Amino acid sequence: MPTPKPRKSPCVQWITSAEMEKIVDRRAQSVLKISGDMFIRNRAKGQYASLDADDCPGIVELALLAPRVKGKTSRARKKP
C-alpha cells in the first residue's frame, strides 16, 4: 500500500488595516455608491437597521466586512 502524500496546511495571509479599508470602501462603492467611511458612519446611526437584503443585494456582505461599530445598536439589549 502506497504511503499517502502529506497534505499542505492552508496558509493564512494577514492583511493590514489599510488594505481592509480599501476592501470595505470598494464594496460600499459597488453596493451603495458611497464611501466605506460614510457607510460606517451611517450604520453607527442605525440607518441600515431596517434595510432588507432582498432590497439591497450585497448589504449583508458589506456589513460583515465593515468593522463593528461600538455603542448602542438597534438590537442592543437594555439593562434591567
N, C-alpha and C. Protein backbone atom coordinates (compact mmCIF):
# COMPACT_ATOMS: atom_id res chain seq x y z
N MET A 1 0.85 -1.18 0.00
CA MET A 1 0.00 0.00 0.00
C MET A 1 0.89 1.24 0.00
N PRO A 2 0.62 2.16 -0.95
CA PRO A 2 1.46 3.37 -1.01
C PRO A 2 1.19 4.30 0.17
N THR A 3 2.22 4.98 0.57
CA THR A 3 2.05 5.95 1.65
C THR A 3 1.36 7.20 1.12
N PRO A 4 0.39 7.72 1.89
CA PRO A 4 -0.31 8.94 1.43
C PRO A 4 0.63 10.14 1.44
N LYS A 5 0.40 11.02 0.48
CA LYS A 5 1.19 12.25 0.42
C LYS A 5 0.77 13.17 1.57
N PRO A 6 1.74 13.81 2.19
CA PRO A 6 1.35 14.75 3.26
C PRO A 6 0.59 15.93 2.66
N ARG A 7 -0.43 16.33 3.36
CA ARG A 7 -1.23 17.49 2.92
C ARG A 7 -0.52 18.78 3.27
N LYS A 8 -0.71 19.75 2.40
CA LYS A 8 -0.20 21.08 2.71
C LYS A 8 -1.18 21.77 3.63
N SER A 9 -0.66 22.42 4.62
CA SER A 9 -1.52 23.20 5.52
C SER A 9 -1.94 24.47 4.82
N PRO A 10 -3.20 24.89 5.01
CA PRO A 10 -3.60 26.17 4.43
C PRO A 10 -2.77 27.29 5.04
N CYS A 11 -2.45 28.24 4.23
CA CYS A 11 -1.61 29.34 4.68
C CYS A 11 -2.50 30.56 4.94
N VAL A 12 -2.39 31.13 6.10
CA VAL A 12 -3.15 32.32 6.44
C VAL A 12 -2.34 33.54 6.06
N GLN A 13 -2.99 34.44 5.34
CA GLN A 13 -2.33 35.69 4.99
C GLN A 13 -3.08 36.83 5.67
N TRP A 14 -2.39 37.53 6.53
CA TRP A 14 -2.99 38.65 7.23
C TRP A 14 -2.94 39.88 6.34
N ILE A 15 -3.95 40.72 6.46
CA ILE A 15 -3.96 41.97 5.72
C ILE A 15 -3.86 43.13 6.70
N THR A 16 -3.42 44.24 6.20
CA THR A 16 -3.27 45.42 7.05
C THR A 16 -4.61 46.15 7.18
N SER A 17 -4.67 47.05 8.11
CA SER A 17 -5.88 47.87 8.29
C SER A 17 -6.16 48.69 7.04
N ALA A 18 -5.11 49.20 6.42
CA ALA A 18 -5.28 50.00 5.20
C ALA A 18 -5.86 49.15 4.07
N GLU A 19 -5.40 47.91 3.95
CA GLU A 19 -5.95 47.01 2.93
C GLU A 19 -7.41 46.71 3.19
N MET A 20 -7.76 46.51 4.45
CA MET A 20 -9.15 46.23 4.80
C MET A 20 -10.04 47.43 4.52
N GLU A 21 -9.54 48.63 4.80
CA GLU A 21 -10.30 49.84 4.50
C GLU A 21 -10.58 49.96 3.01
N LYS A 22 -9.60 49.60 2.18
CA LYS A 22 -9.80 49.64 0.73
C LYS A 22 -10.85 48.63 0.29
N ILE A 23 -10.84 47.45 0.89
CA ILE A 23 -11.83 46.42 0.55
C ILE A 23 -13.23 46.89 0.91
N VAL A 24 -13.38 47.44 2.12
CA VAL A 24 -14.69 47.94 2.56
C VAL A 24 -15.13 49.10 1.67
N ASP A 25 -14.20 49.97 1.34
CA ASP A 25 -14.53 51.13 0.51
C ASP A 25 -15.01 50.68 -0.88
N ARG A 26 -14.30 49.73 -1.49
CA ARG A 26 -14.71 49.24 -2.81
C ARG A 26 -16.09 48.58 -2.75
N ARG A 27 -16.34 47.81 -1.70
CA ARG A 27 -17.63 47.12 -1.59
C ARG A 27 -18.75 48.13 -1.36
N ALA A 28 -18.51 49.14 -0.52
CA ALA A 28 -19.52 50.17 -0.27
C ALA A 28 -19.81 50.95 -1.55
N GLN A 29 -18.77 51.21 -2.32
CA GLN A 29 -18.97 51.91 -3.60
C GLN A 29 -19.83 51.09 -4.54
N SER A 30 -19.57 49.78 -4.61
CA SER A 30 -20.32 48.95 -5.55
C SER A 30 -21.75 48.68 -5.09
N VAL A 31 -21.98 48.60 -3.79
CA VAL A 31 -23.32 48.28 -3.27
C VAL A 31 -24.18 49.52 -3.10
N LEU A 32 -23.63 50.55 -2.45
CA LEU A 32 -24.42 51.73 -2.09
C LEU A 32 -24.00 53.02 -2.79
N LYS A 33 -22.92 52.97 -3.54
CA LYS A 33 -22.39 54.16 -4.22
C LYS A 33 -21.96 55.25 -3.25
N ILE A 34 -21.45 54.82 -2.09
CA ILE A 34 -20.90 55.74 -1.09
C ILE A 34 -19.56 55.20 -0.62
N SER A 35 -18.81 56.01 0.11
CA SER A 35 -17.51 55.55 0.61
C SER A 35 -17.71 54.60 1.79
N GLY A 36 -16.66 53.85 2.08
CA GLY A 36 -16.69 52.95 3.22
C GLY A 36 -16.87 53.71 4.53
N ASP A 37 -16.20 54.86 4.64
CA ASP A 37 -16.33 55.68 5.86
C ASP A 37 -17.77 56.16 6.04
N MET A 38 -18.41 56.57 4.95
CA MET A 38 -19.79 57.02 5.03
C MET A 38 -20.71 55.87 5.45
N PHE A 39 -20.46 54.68 4.91
CA PHE A 39 -21.26 53.52 5.30
C PHE A 39 -21.12 53.26 6.79
N ILE A 40 -19.91 53.30 7.29
CA ILE A 40 -19.67 53.03 8.72
C ILE A 40 -20.36 54.08 9.59
N ARG A 41 -20.28 55.36 9.20
CA ARG A 41 -20.95 56.42 9.96
C ARG A 41 -22.47 56.24 9.95
N ASN A 42 -23.01 55.97 8.75
CA ASN A 42 -24.46 55.79 8.64
C ASN A 42 -24.93 54.57 9.42
N ARG A 43 -24.15 53.52 9.38
CA ARG A 43 -24.50 52.30 10.11
C ARG A 43 -24.50 52.55 11.62
N ALA A 44 -23.55 53.36 12.08
CA ALA A 44 -23.49 53.70 13.51
C ALA A 44 -24.74 54.46 13.94
N LYS A 45 -25.32 55.22 13.02
CA LYS A 45 -26.55 55.97 13.31
C LYS A 45 -27.79 55.10 13.19
N GLY A 46 -27.63 53.84 12.73
CA GLY A 46 -28.76 52.94 12.60
C GLY A 46 -29.52 53.06 11.29
N GLN A 47 -28.92 53.72 10.31
CA GLN A 47 -29.61 53.98 9.06
C GLN A 47 -29.96 52.70 8.29
N TYR A 48 -29.19 51.65 8.45
CA TYR A 48 -29.42 50.43 7.68
C TYR A 48 -30.08 49.33 8.49
N ALA A 49 -30.55 49.64 9.68
CA ALA A 49 -31.13 48.62 10.56
C ALA A 49 -32.34 47.93 9.96
N SER A 50 -33.15 48.63 9.20
CA SER A 50 -34.35 48.03 8.65
C SER A 50 -34.21 47.68 7.17
N LEU A 51 -33.01 47.81 6.63
CA LEU A 51 -32.77 47.51 5.23
C LEU A 51 -32.80 46.01 5.00
N ASP A 52 -33.56 45.57 4.03
CA ASP A 52 -33.71 44.15 3.71
C ASP A 52 -32.68 43.76 2.66
N ALA A 53 -32.07 42.59 2.83
CA ALA A 53 -31.06 42.12 1.88
C ALA A 53 -31.65 41.91 0.49
N ASP A 54 -32.95 41.63 0.40
CA ASP A 54 -33.58 41.47 -0.91
C ASP A 54 -33.71 42.81 -1.63
N ASP A 55 -33.87 43.88 -0.85
CA ASP A 55 -33.99 45.22 -1.44
C ASP A 55 -32.62 45.79 -1.84
N CYS A 56 -31.58 45.32 -1.18
CA CYS A 56 -30.23 45.85 -1.43
C CYS A 56 -29.23 44.70 -1.45
N PRO A 57 -29.11 44.02 -2.60
CA PRO A 57 -28.16 42.91 -2.67
C PRO A 57 -26.74 43.37 -2.35
N GLY A 58 -26.05 42.62 -1.54
CA GLY A 58 -24.67 42.93 -1.17
C GLY A 58 -24.53 43.62 0.16
N ILE A 59 -25.63 44.05 0.75
CA ILE A 59 -25.54 44.79 2.02
C ILE A 59 -25.07 43.89 3.16
N VAL A 60 -25.47 42.63 3.14
CA VAL A 60 -25.06 41.71 4.21
C VAL A 60 -23.55 41.50 4.16
N GLU A 61 -23.02 41.27 2.96
CA GLU A 61 -21.58 41.08 2.82
C GLU A 61 -20.82 42.33 3.24
N LEU A 62 -21.35 43.48 2.88
CA LEU A 62 -20.71 44.74 3.27
C LEU A 62 -20.71 44.90 4.79
N ALA A 63 -21.81 44.58 5.42
CA ALA A 63 -21.90 44.69 6.87
C ALA A 63 -20.92 43.74 7.56
N LEU A 64 -20.72 42.58 6.97
CA LEU A 64 -19.77 41.62 7.55
C LEU A 64 -18.32 42.06 7.37
N LEU A 65 -18.05 42.77 6.29
CA LEU A 65 -16.69 43.25 6.04
C LEU A 65 -16.33 44.45 6.91
N ALA A 66 -17.28 45.33 7.12
CA ALA A 66 -17.01 46.58 7.83
C ALA A 66 -16.76 46.30 9.31
N PRO A 67 -15.93 47.12 9.92
CA PRO A 67 -15.68 46.94 11.35
C PRO A 67 -16.94 47.19 12.16
N ARG A 68 -17.05 46.50 13.27
CA ARG A 68 -18.22 46.68 14.13
C ARG A 68 -18.19 48.06 14.75
N VAL A 69 -19.34 48.62 14.88
CA VAL A 69 -19.48 49.94 15.48
C VAL A 69 -19.76 49.73 16.96
N LYS A 70 -18.95 50.36 17.79
CA LYS A 70 -19.16 50.22 19.23
C LYS A 70 -20.23 51.21 19.66
N GLY A 71 -21.01 50.78 20.60
CA GLY A 71 -22.07 51.65 21.09
C GLY A 71 -23.43 51.00 20.89
N LYS A 72 -24.44 51.78 21.07
CA LYS A 72 -25.81 51.28 21.00
C LYS A 72 -26.22 50.99 19.57
N THR A 73 -26.82 49.83 19.37
CA THR A 73 -27.38 49.48 18.07
C THR A 73 -28.85 49.21 18.23
N SER A 74 -29.56 49.01 17.15
CA SER A 74 -30.99 48.78 17.23
C SER A 74 -31.30 47.47 17.92
N ARG A 75 -30.35 46.56 17.96
CA ARG A 75 -30.59 45.25 18.58
C ARG A 75 -29.92 45.12 19.95
N ALA A 76 -29.40 46.20 20.44
CA ALA A 76 -28.72 46.15 21.74
C ALA A 76 -29.72 45.84 22.84
N ARG A 77 -29.26 45.02 23.77
CA ARG A 77 -30.11 44.68 24.91
C ARG A 77 -30.10 45.80 25.92
N LYS A 78 -31.23 46.02 26.51
CA LYS A 78 -31.32 47.03 27.55
C LYS A 78 -31.05 46.36 28.89
N LYS A 79 -30.32 47.04 29.73
CA LYS A 79 -30.01 46.50 31.05
C LYS A 79 -31.25 46.67 31.93
N PRO A 80 -31.54 45.64 32.74
CA PRO A 80 -32.73 45.76 33.62
C PRO A 80 -32.56 46.78 34.70
